[in-house]
C-alpha atoms as a PDB file:
ATOM      1  CA  UNK A   1      20.046  23.773   0.489  1.00  0.00           C
ATOM      2  CA  UNK A   2      19.713  22.860   4.226  1.00  0.00           C
ATOM      3  CA  UNK A   3      16.527  25.698   4.498  1.00  0.00           C
ATOM      4  CA  UNK A   4      14.986  23.727   1.851  1.00  0.00           C
ATOM      5  CA  UNK A   5      15.631  20.242   3.565  1.00  0.00           C
ATOM      6  CA  UNK A   6      14.319  21.521   6.627  1.00  0.00           C
ATOM      7  CA  UNK A   7      11.282  23.094   5.154  1.00  0.00           C
ATOM      8  CA  UNK A   8      10.656  19.558   3.176  1.00  0.00           C
ATOM      9  CA  UNK A   9      10.761  17.438   6.806  1.00  0.00           C
ATOM     10  CA  UNK A  10       9.063  19.918   8.726  1.00  0.00           C
ATOM     11  CA  UNK A  11       6.106  19.690   5.881  1.00  0.00           C
ATOM     12  CA  UNK A  12       6.445  15.975   6.021  1.00  0.00           C
ATOM     13  CA  UNK A  13       6.235  15.992   9.892  1.00  0.00           C
ATOM     14  CA  UNK A  14       3.517  17.943   9.775  1.00  0.00           C
ATOM     15  CA  UNK A  15       1.387  15.915   7.460  1.00  0.00           C
ATOM     16  CA  UNK A  16       2.627  12.429   7.877  1.00  0.00           C
ATOM     17  CA  UNK A  17      -0.835  11.059   8.902  1.00  0.00           C
ATOM     18  CA  UNK A  18      -1.845  11.351   5.658  1.00  0.00           C
ATOM     19  CA  UNK A  19       0.946   9.454   4.452  1.00  0.00           C
ATOM     20  CA  UNK A  20       0.041   6.569   6.927  1.00  0.00           C
ATOM     21  CA  UNK A  21      -3.435   6.824   6.097  1.00  0.00           C
ATOM     22  CA  UNK A  22      -2.510   6.185   2.307  1.00  0.00           C
ATOM     23  CA  UNK A  23      -0.654   3.386   3.099  1.00  0.00           C
ATOM     24  CA  UNK A  24      -3.017   1.673   5.394  1.00  0.00           C
ATOM     25  CA  UNK A  25      -5.737   2.033   2.432  1.00  0.00           C
ATOM     26  CA  UNK A  26      -3.653   0.496  -0.042  1.00  0.00           C
ATOM     27  CA  UNK A  27      -1.134  -2.254   1.831  1.00  0.00           C
ATOM     28  CA  UNK A  28      -2.188  -4.670   4.411  1.00  0.00           C
ATOM     29  CA  UNK A  29       0.743  -5.736   6.208  1.00  0.00           C
ATOM     30  CA  UNK A  30       3.099  -3.330   8.221  1.00  0.00           C
ATOM     31  CA  UNK A  31       6.097  -4.043   6.502  1.00  0.00           C
ATOM     32  CA  UNK A  32       4.271  -3.317   2.885  1.00  0.00           C
ATOM     33  CA  UNK A  33       2.822  -0.228   5.001  1.00  0.00           C
ATOM     34  CA  UNK A  34       6.396   1.024   5.921  1.00  0.00           C
ATOM     35  CA  UNK A  35       7.693   0.173   2.452  1.00  0.00           C
ATOM     36  CA  UNK A  36       5.313   2.356   0.935  1.00  0.00           C
ATOM     37  CA  UNK A  37       5.729   4.979   3.410  1.00  0.00           C
ATOM     38  CA  UNK A  38       9.328   5.179   2.498  1.00  0.00           C
ATOM     39  CA  UNK A  39       8.466   5.286  -1.501  1.00  0.00           C
ATOM     40  CA  UNK A  40       6.124   8.065  -1.037  1.00  0.00           C
ATOM     41  CA  UNK A  41       8.709  10.357   1.077  1.00  0.00           C
ATOM     42  CA  UNK A  42      11.090   9.633  -1.716  1.00  0.00           C
ATOM     43  CA  UNK A  43       8.943  10.493  -4.302  1.00  0.00           C
ATOM     44  CA  UNK A  44       7.736  13.522  -2.639  1.00  0.00           C
ATOM     45  CA  UNK A  45      11.415  14.605  -1.940  1.00  0.00           C
ATOM     46  CA  UNK A  46      12.375  14.243  -5.731  1.00  0.00           C
ATOM     47  CA  UNK A  47       9.251  16.205  -6.999  1.00  0.00           C
ATOM     48  CA  UNK A  48       9.438  18.878  -4.361  1.00  0.00           C
ATOM     49  CA  UNK A  49      10.939  21.383  -6.678  1.00  0.00           C
ATOM     50  CA  UNK A  50       7.769  21.127  -8.781  1.00  0.00           C
ATOM     51  CA  UNK A  51       5.506  22.294  -5.746  1.00  0.00           C
ATOM     52  CA  UNK A  52       4.673  25.914  -6.433  1.00  0.00           C
ATOM     53  CA  UNK A  53       2.550  26.478  -3.318  1.00  0.00           C
ATOM     54  CA  UNK A  54      -0.670  27.281  -5.639  1.00  0.00           C
ATOM     55  CA  UNK A  55      -2.296  24.699  -3.465  1.00  0.00           C
ATOM     56  CA  UNK A  56      -1.865  23.758   0.142  1.00  0.00           C
ATOM     57  CA  UNK A  57       1.285  21.400   0.586  1.00  0.00           C
ATOM     58  CA  UNK A  58      -1.026  18.827   2.153  1.00  0.00           C
ATOM     59  CA  UNK A  59      -3.320  18.912  -1.050  1.00  0.00           C
ATOM     60  CA  UNK A  60       0.035  18.538  -3.258  1.00  0.00           C
ATOM     61  CA  UNK A  61       1.052  15.940  -0.916  1.00  0.00           C
ATOM     62  CA  UNK A  62      -1.874  13.734  -1.635  1.00  0.00           C
ATOM     63  CA  UNK A  63      -1.728  13.620  -4.779  1.00  0.00           C
ATOM     64  CA  UNK A  64       2.118  12.769  -5.271  1.00  0.00           C
ATOM     65  CA  UNK A  65       1.071  10.084  -2.330  1.00  0.00           C
ATOM     66  CA  UNK A  66      -1.705   8.535  -4.078  1.00  0.00           C
ATOM     67  CA  UNK A  67      -0.208   8.115  -7.320  1.00  0.00           C
ATOM     68  CA  UNK A  68       2.926   6.546  -5.823  1.00  0.00           C
ATOM     69  CA  UNK A  69       0.860   4.064  -4.129  1.00  0.00           C
ATOM     70  CA  UNK A  70      -1.301   3.125  -7.295  1.00  0.00           C
ATOM     71  CA  UNK A  71       2.157   2.734  -9.156  1.00  0.00           C
ATOM     72  CA  UNK A  72       3.632   0.869  -6.152  1.00  0.00           C
ATOM     73  CA  UNK A  73       0.796  -1.330  -5.666  1.00  0.00           C
ATOM     74  CA  UNK A  74       0.375  -2.337  -9.533  1.00  0.00           C
ATOM     75  CA  UNK A  75       4.368  -2.428  -9.726  1.00  0.00           C
ATOM     76  CA  UNK A  76       4.540  -4.966  -7.266  1.00  0.00           C
ATOM     77  CA  UNK A  77       1.445  -6.693  -8.541  1.00  0.00           C
ATOM     78  CA  UNK A  78       0.326  -7.550  -5.043  1.00  0.00           C
ATOM     79  CA  UNK A  79      -3.005  -9.203  -4.772  1.00  0.00           C
ATOM     80  CA  UNK A  80      -4.905  -8.401  -1.623  1.00  0.00           C
ATOM     81  CA  UNK A  81      -4.583 -11.203   0.803  1.00  0.00           C
ATOM     82  CA  UNK A  82      -7.628 -11.012   2.678  1.00  0.00           C
ATOM     83  CA  UNK A  83      -9.143 -13.526   5.147  1.00  0.00           C
ATOM     84  CA  UNK A  84     -11.769 -13.821   7.147  1.00  0.00           C
ATOM     85  CA  UNK A  85      -9.702 -15.235  10.131  1.00  0.00           C
ATOM     86  CA  UNK A  86      -8.505 -12.095  12.398  1.00  0.00           C
ATOM     87  CA  UNK A  87      -4.845 -12.348  13.176  1.00  0.00           C
ATOM     88  CA  UNK A  88      -4.208 -13.681  16.878  1.00  0.00           C
ATOM     89  CA  UNK A  89      -2.880 -10.505  18.286  1.00  0.00           C
ATOM     90  CA  UNK A  90      -6.048  -8.626  17.074  1.00  0.00           C
ATOM     91  CA  UNK A  91      -8.229 -11.186  18.646  1.00  0.00           C
ATOM     92  CA  UNK A  92      -6.563 -10.697  21.736  1.00  0.00           C
ATOM     93  CA  UNK A  93      -6.567  -7.005  21.449  1.00  0.00           C
ATOM     94  CA  UNK A  94     -10.636  -6.768  20.891  1.00  0.00           C
ATOM     95  CA  UNK A  95     -11.011  -7.461  24.675  1.00  0.00           C
ATOM     96  CA  UNK A  96      -8.838  -4.222  25.476  1.00  0.00           C
ATOM     97  CA  UNK A  97      -9.525  -2.011  22.257  1.00  0.00           C
ATOM     98  CA  UNK A  98     -12.727  -1.857  20.689  1.00  0.00           C
ATOM     99  CA  UNK A  99     -11.352   0.862  18.435  1.00  0.00           C
ATOM    100  CA  UNK A 100      -8.251  -1.021  17.460  1.00  0.00           C
ATOM    101  CA  UNK A 101     -10.825  -3.973  16.047  1.00  0.00           C
ATOM    102  CA  UNK A 102     -12.725  -1.178  14.495  1.00  0.00           C
ATOM    103  CA  UNK A 103      -9.856   0.346  12.735  1.00  0.00           C
ATOM    104  CA  UNK A 104      -8.812  -3.283  11.638  1.00  0.00           C
ATOM    105  CA  UNK A 105     -11.859  -3.732   9.709  1.00  0.00           C
ATOM    106  CA  UNK A 106     -12.346  -0.157   8.533  1.00  0.00           C
ATOM    107  CA  UNK A 107      -8.751  -0.405   7.029  1.00  0.00           C
ATOM    108  CA  UNK A 108      -9.453  -4.282   5.659  1.00  0.00           C
ATOM    109  CA  UNK A 109     -12.761  -3.161   3.929  1.00  0.00           C
ATOM    110  CA  UNK A 110     -11.081   0.177   2.424  1.00  0.00           C
ATOM    111  CA  UNK A 111      -8.274  -2.243   0.799  1.00  0.00           C
ATOM    112  CA  UNK A 112     -10.968  -3.242  -0.975  1.00  0.00           C
ATOM    113  CA  UNK A 113     -12.601  -0.375  -2.562  1.00  0.00           C
ATOM    114  CA  UNK A 114     -11.478   0.818  -6.018  1.00  0.00           C
ATOM    115  CA  UNK A 115      -8.918   3.413  -6.357  1.00  0.00           C
ATOM    116  CA  UNK A 116     -11.490   6.656  -6.891  1.00  0.00           C
ATOM    117  CA  UNK A 117     -13.559   5.125  -3.786  1.00  0.00           C
ATOM    118  CA  UNK A 118     -10.099   5.253  -1.404  1.00  0.00           C
ATOM    119  CA  UNK A 119      -9.471   8.625  -2.352  1.00  0.00           C
ATOM    120  CA  UNK A 120     -12.872  10.031  -1.694  1.00  0.00           C
ATOM    121  CA  UNK A 121     -12.753   8.107   1.443  1.00  0.00           C
ATOM    122  CA  UNK A 122      -9.257   9.636   2.558  1.00  0.00           C
ATOM    123  CA  UNK A 123     -10.687  13.032   1.514  1.00  0.00           C
ATOM    124  CA  UNK A 124     -14.006  12.662   3.825  1.00  0.00           C
ATOM    125  CA  UNK A 125     -11.554  11.054   6.482  1.00  0.00           C
ATOM    126  CA  UNK A 126      -9.381  14.440   6.315  1.00  0.00           C
ATOM    127  CA  UNK A 127     -12.593  16.515   6.351  1.00  0.00           C
ATOM    128  CA  UNK A 128     -12.698  17.601   2.633  1.00  0.00           C
ATOM    129  CA  UNK A 129     -15.915  19.623   1.802  1.00  0.00           C
ATOM    130  CA  UNK A 130     -17.852  18.085  -1.056  1.00  0.00           C
ATOM    131  CA  UNK A 131     -16.915  20.791  -3.081  1.00  0.00           C
ATOM    132  CA  UNK A 132     -13.209  20.580  -2.230  1.00  0.00           C
ATOM    133  CA  UNK A 133     -13.465  16.367  -3.041  1.00  0.00           C
ATOM    134  CA  UNK A 134     -14.630  17.579  -6.404  1.00  0.00           C
ATOM    135  CA  UNK A 135     -12.088  20.012  -7.474  1.00  0.00           C
ATOM    136  CA  UNK A 136      -9.378  17.610  -6.289  1.00  0.00           C
ATOM    137  CA  UNK A 137     -10.879  14.805  -8.389  1.00  0.00           C
ATOM    138  CA  UNK A 138     -12.107  16.762 -11.062  1.00  0.00           C
ATOM    139  CA  UNK A 139     -15.765  15.738 -10.797  1.00  0.00           C
ATOM    140  CA  UNK A 140     -18.986  17.860 -10.078  1.00  0.00           C
ATOM    141  CA  UNK A 141     -19.801  18.367  -6.337  1.00  0.00           C
ATOM    142  CA  UNK A 142     -22.746  16.435  -7.112  1.00  0.00           C
ATOM    143  CA  UNK A 143     -21.144  13.554  -8.548  1.00  0.00           C
ATOM    144  CA  UNK A 144     -18.766  13.711  -5.423  1.00  0.00           C
ATOM    145  CA  UNK A 145     -21.701  13.410  -3.001  1.00  0.00           C
ATOM    146  CA  UNK A 146     -23.174  10.318  -4.930  1.00  0.00           C
ATOM    147  CA  UNK A 147     -19.954   8.585  -4.958  1.00  0.00           C
ATOM    148  CA  UNK A 148     -19.242   9.107  -1.374  1.00  0.00           C
ATOM    149  CA  UNK A 149     -22.501   7.928  -0.080  1.00  0.00           C
ATOM    150  CA  UNK A 150     -22.085   4.980  -2.611  1.00  0.00           C
ATOM    151  CA  UNK A 151     -18.380   4.258  -0.959  1.00  0.00           C
ATOM    152  CA  UNK A 152     -19.874   4.559   2.437  1.00  0.00           C
ATOM    153  CA  UNK A 153     -22.659   2.246   1.520  1.00  0.00           C
ATOM    154  CA  UNK A 154     -19.749  -0.256  -0.005  1.00  0.00           C
ATOM    155  CA  UNK A 155     -17.675  -0.028   3.394  1.00  0.00           C
ATOM    156  CA  UNK A 156     -20.567  -1.061   5.442  1.00  0.00           C
ATOM    157  CA  UNK A 157     -21.333  -3.897   3.339  1.00  0.00           C
ATOM    158  CA  UNK A 158     -17.849  -4.872   3.419  1.00  0.00           C
ATOM    159  CA  UNK A 159     -17.218  -4.582   7.215  1.00  0.00           C
ATOM    160  CA  UNK A 160     -20.628  -6.541   7.153  1.00  0.00           C
ATOM    161  CA  UNK A 161     -19.344  -9.510   4.999  1.00  0.00           C
ATOM    162  CA  UNK A 162     -16.285  -9.547   7.514  1.00  0.00           C
ATOM    163  CA  UNK A 163     -18.656 -10.338  10.338  1.00  0.00           C
ATOM    164  CA  UNK A 164     -18.300  -7.384  12.143  1.00  0.00           C
ATOM    165  CA  UNK A 165     -21.129  -5.581  13.520  1.00  0.00           C
ATOM    166  CA  UNK A 166     -21.379  -1.812  14.204  1.00  0.00           C
END
Protein backbone atom coordinates (compact mmCIF):
# COMPACT_ATOMS: atom_id res chain seq x y z
CA UNK A 1 0.00 0.00 0.00
CA UNK A 2 2.85 2.38 0.82
CA UNK A 3 4.38 2.03 -2.66
CA UNK A 4 1.03 2.72 -4.29
CA UNK A 5 0.55 5.88 -2.22
CA UNK A 6 4.09 7.05 -2.92
CA UNK A 7 3.65 6.39 -6.62
CA UNK A 8 0.39 8.35 -6.63
CA UNK A 9 1.90 11.28 -4.72
CA UNK A 10 4.88 11.34 -7.09
CA UNK A 11 2.50 11.51 -10.07
CA UNK A 12 0.55 14.34 -8.43
CA UNK A 13 3.72 16.27 -7.60
CA UNK A 14 4.99 15.90 -11.16
CA UNK A 15 1.68 16.94 -12.74
CA UNK A 16 0.20 19.39 -10.23
CA UNK A 17 0.55 22.23 -12.73
CA UNK A 18 -2.15 20.59 -14.83
CA UNK A 19 -4.52 20.58 -11.87
CA UNK A 20 -3.76 24.22 -11.06
CA UNK A 21 -4.47 25.27 -14.65
CA UNK A 22 -7.82 23.48 -14.64
CA UNK A 23 -8.72 25.08 -11.31
CA UNK A 24 -7.90 28.54 -12.65
CA UNK A 25 -9.93 27.86 -15.77
CA UNK A 26 -13.05 26.86 -13.86
CA UNK A 27 -12.96 28.91 -10.65
CA UNK A 28 -12.29 32.61 -10.24
CA UNK A 29 -11.33 32.96 -6.58
CA UNK A 30 -8.32 31.47 -4.81
CA UNK A 31 -10.55 29.76 -2.22
CA UNK A 32 -12.71 28.13 -4.89
CA UNK A 33 -9.60 27.08 -6.79
CA UNK A 34 -8.17 25.46 -3.66
CA UNK A 35 -11.45 23.65 -2.96
CA UNK A 36 -11.53 22.35 -6.52
CA UNK A 37 -7.86 21.33 -6.33
CA UNK A 38 -8.58 19.24 -3.24
CA UNK A 39 -11.66 17.68 -4.83
CA UNK A 40 -9.68 16.76 -7.94
CA UNK A 41 -6.89 15.12 -5.92
CA UNK A 42 -9.51 13.23 -3.91
CA UNK A 43 -11.25 11.98 -7.07
CA UNK A 44 -7.91 11.03 -8.61
CA UNK A 45 -7.03 8.97 -5.54
CA UNK A 46 -10.46 7.30 -5.53
CA UNK A 47 -10.11 6.31 -9.17
CA UNK A 48 -6.36 5.60 -9.16
CA UNK A 49 -7.07 1.87 -9.13
CA UNK A 50 -8.72 2.19 -12.54
CA UNK A 51 -5.61 3.72 -14.13
CA UNK A 52 -4.31 0.92 -16.33
CA UNK A 53 -1.30 2.73 -17.82
CA UNK A 54 -2.69 2.44 -21.36
CA UNK A 55 -2.07 6.17 -21.72
CA UNK A 56 0.20 8.67 -20.02
CA UNK A 57 -0.70 9.40 -16.43
CA UNK A 58 -1.07 13.09 -17.29
CA UNK A 59 -3.65 12.29 -19.98
CA UNK A 60 -5.68 10.11 -17.63
CA UNK A 61 -5.31 12.66 -14.83
CA UNK A 62 -6.51 15.46 -17.09
CA UNK A 63 -9.67 13.56 -18.00
CA UNK A 64 -10.50 12.82 -14.36
CA UNK A 65 -9.65 16.40 -13.34
CA UNK A 66 -11.74 17.94 -16.11
CA UNK A 67 -14.75 15.75 -15.32
CA UNK A 68 -14.38 16.59 -11.63
CA UNK A 69 -14.19 20.32 -12.41
CA UNK A 70 -17.33 20.16 -14.52
CA UNK A 71 -19.28 18.23 -11.88
CA UNK A 72 -17.96 20.48 -9.11
CA UNK A 73 -18.94 23.57 -11.08
CA UNK A 74 -22.45 22.26 -11.75
CA UNK A 75 -22.92 20.88 -8.24
CA UNK A 76 -22.12 24.20 -6.67
CA UNK A 77 -24.29 25.95 -9.28
CA UNK A 78 -21.85 28.78 -9.23
CA UNK A 79 -22.35 31.65 -11.58
CA UNK A 80 -19.23 33.30 -12.91
CA UNK A 81 -19.00 36.61 -11.19
CA UNK A 82 -17.17 38.80 -13.61
CA UNK A 83 -16.51 42.43 -13.14
CA UNK A 84 -14.87 45.08 -15.22
CA UNK A 85 -13.17 46.37 -12.08
CA UNK A 86 -9.79 44.83 -11.40
CA UNK A 87 -9.11 43.88 -7.77
CA UNK A 88 -6.95 46.48 -6.02
CA UNK A 89 -4.07 44.10 -5.40
CA UNK A 90 -3.84 43.38 -9.14
CA UNK A 91 -4.04 47.04 -10.03
CA UNK A 92 -1.00 47.64 -7.80
CA UNK A 93 0.82 44.68 -9.32
CA UNK A 94 0.27 46.14 -12.77
CA UNK A 95 3.22 48.40 -12.21
CA UNK A 96 5.40 45.60 -10.94
CA UNK A 97 4.31 42.66 -13.03
CA UNK A 98 2.84 42.88 -16.51
CA UNK A 99 2.88 39.09 -16.70
CA UNK A 100 0.57 38.78 -13.69
CA UNK A 101 -1.82 41.23 -15.29
CA UNK A 102 -1.77 39.28 -18.54
CA UNK A 103 -2.47 36.05 -16.66
CA UNK A 104 -5.31 37.67 -14.75
CA UNK A 105 -7.02 38.74 -17.96
CA UNK A 106 -6.26 35.44 -19.68
CA UNK A 107 -7.80 33.28 -16.94
CA UNK A 108 -10.75 35.64 -16.55
CA UNK A 109 -11.43 35.21 -20.28
CA UNK A 110 -10.85 31.44 -20.21
CA UNK A 111 -13.50 31.10 -17.50
CA UNK A 112 -16.03 32.42 -20.00
CA UNK A 113 -15.27 29.78 -22.64
CA UNK A 114 -17.42 26.72 -23.23
CA UNK A 115 -16.25 23.39 -21.75
CA UNK A 116 -14.81 22.05 -25.00
CA UNK A 117 -13.07 25.33 -25.71
CA UNK A 118 -11.48 25.23 -22.24
CA UNK A 119 -10.32 21.67 -22.84
CA UNK A 120 -8.82 22.57 -26.21
CA UNK A 121 -7.04 25.61 -24.76
CA UNK A 122 -5.69 23.49 -21.91
CA UNK A 123 -4.29 20.89 -24.30
CA UNK A 124 -2.83 23.67 -26.44
CA UNK A 125 -1.15 25.24 -23.40
CA UNK A 126 0.29 21.84 -22.54
CA UNK A 127 1.84 21.70 -26.05
CA UNK A 128 -0.31 18.84 -27.31
CA UNK A 129 -0.30 18.41 -31.08
CA UNK A 130 -3.50 18.81 -33.07
CA UNK A 131 -3.57 15.02 -33.46
CA UNK A 132 -3.26 14.48 -29.68
CA UNK A 133 -5.98 17.06 -29.00
CA UNK A 134 -8.24 15.32 -31.52
CA UNK A 135 -7.57 11.88 -30.04
CA UNK A 136 -8.22 13.03 -26.48
CA UNK A 137 -11.46 14.78 -27.38
CA UNK A 138 -12.70 12.18 -29.85
CA UNK A 139 -12.84 14.57 -32.80
CA UNK A 140 -11.01 14.78 -36.12
CA UNK A 141 -7.66 16.52 -36.39
CA UNK A 142 -9.15 19.10 -38.75
CA UNK A 143 -11.96 19.79 -36.31
CA UNK A 144 -9.41 20.20 -33.50
CA UNK A 145 -7.54 22.81 -35.58
CA UNK A 146 -10.72 24.74 -36.35
CA UNK A 147 -11.96 24.64 -32.75
CA UNK A 148 -8.54 25.76 -31.46
CA UNK A 149 -8.43 28.71 -33.86
CA UNK A 150 -11.97 29.71 -32.93
CA UNK A 151 -11.18 29.43 -29.23
CA UNK A 152 -8.09 31.62 -29.67
CA UNK A 153 -10.12 34.23 -31.56
CA UNK A 154 -12.83 34.15 -28.91
CA UNK A 155 -10.22 34.55 -26.15
CA UNK A 156 -8.74 37.59 -27.87
CA UNK A 157 -12.18 39.17 -28.11
CA UNK A 158 -12.99 38.42 -24.47
CA UNK A 159 -9.69 39.93 -23.36
CA UNK A 160 -10.34 43.04 -25.45
CA UNK A 161 -13.81 43.34 -23.89
CA UNK A 162 -12.07 43.45 -20.51
CA UNK A 163 -10.25 46.54 -21.71
CA UNK A 164 -6.84 44.91 -21.92
CA UNK A 165 -4.82 45.57 -25.05
CA UNK A 166 -2.05 43.18 -26.00
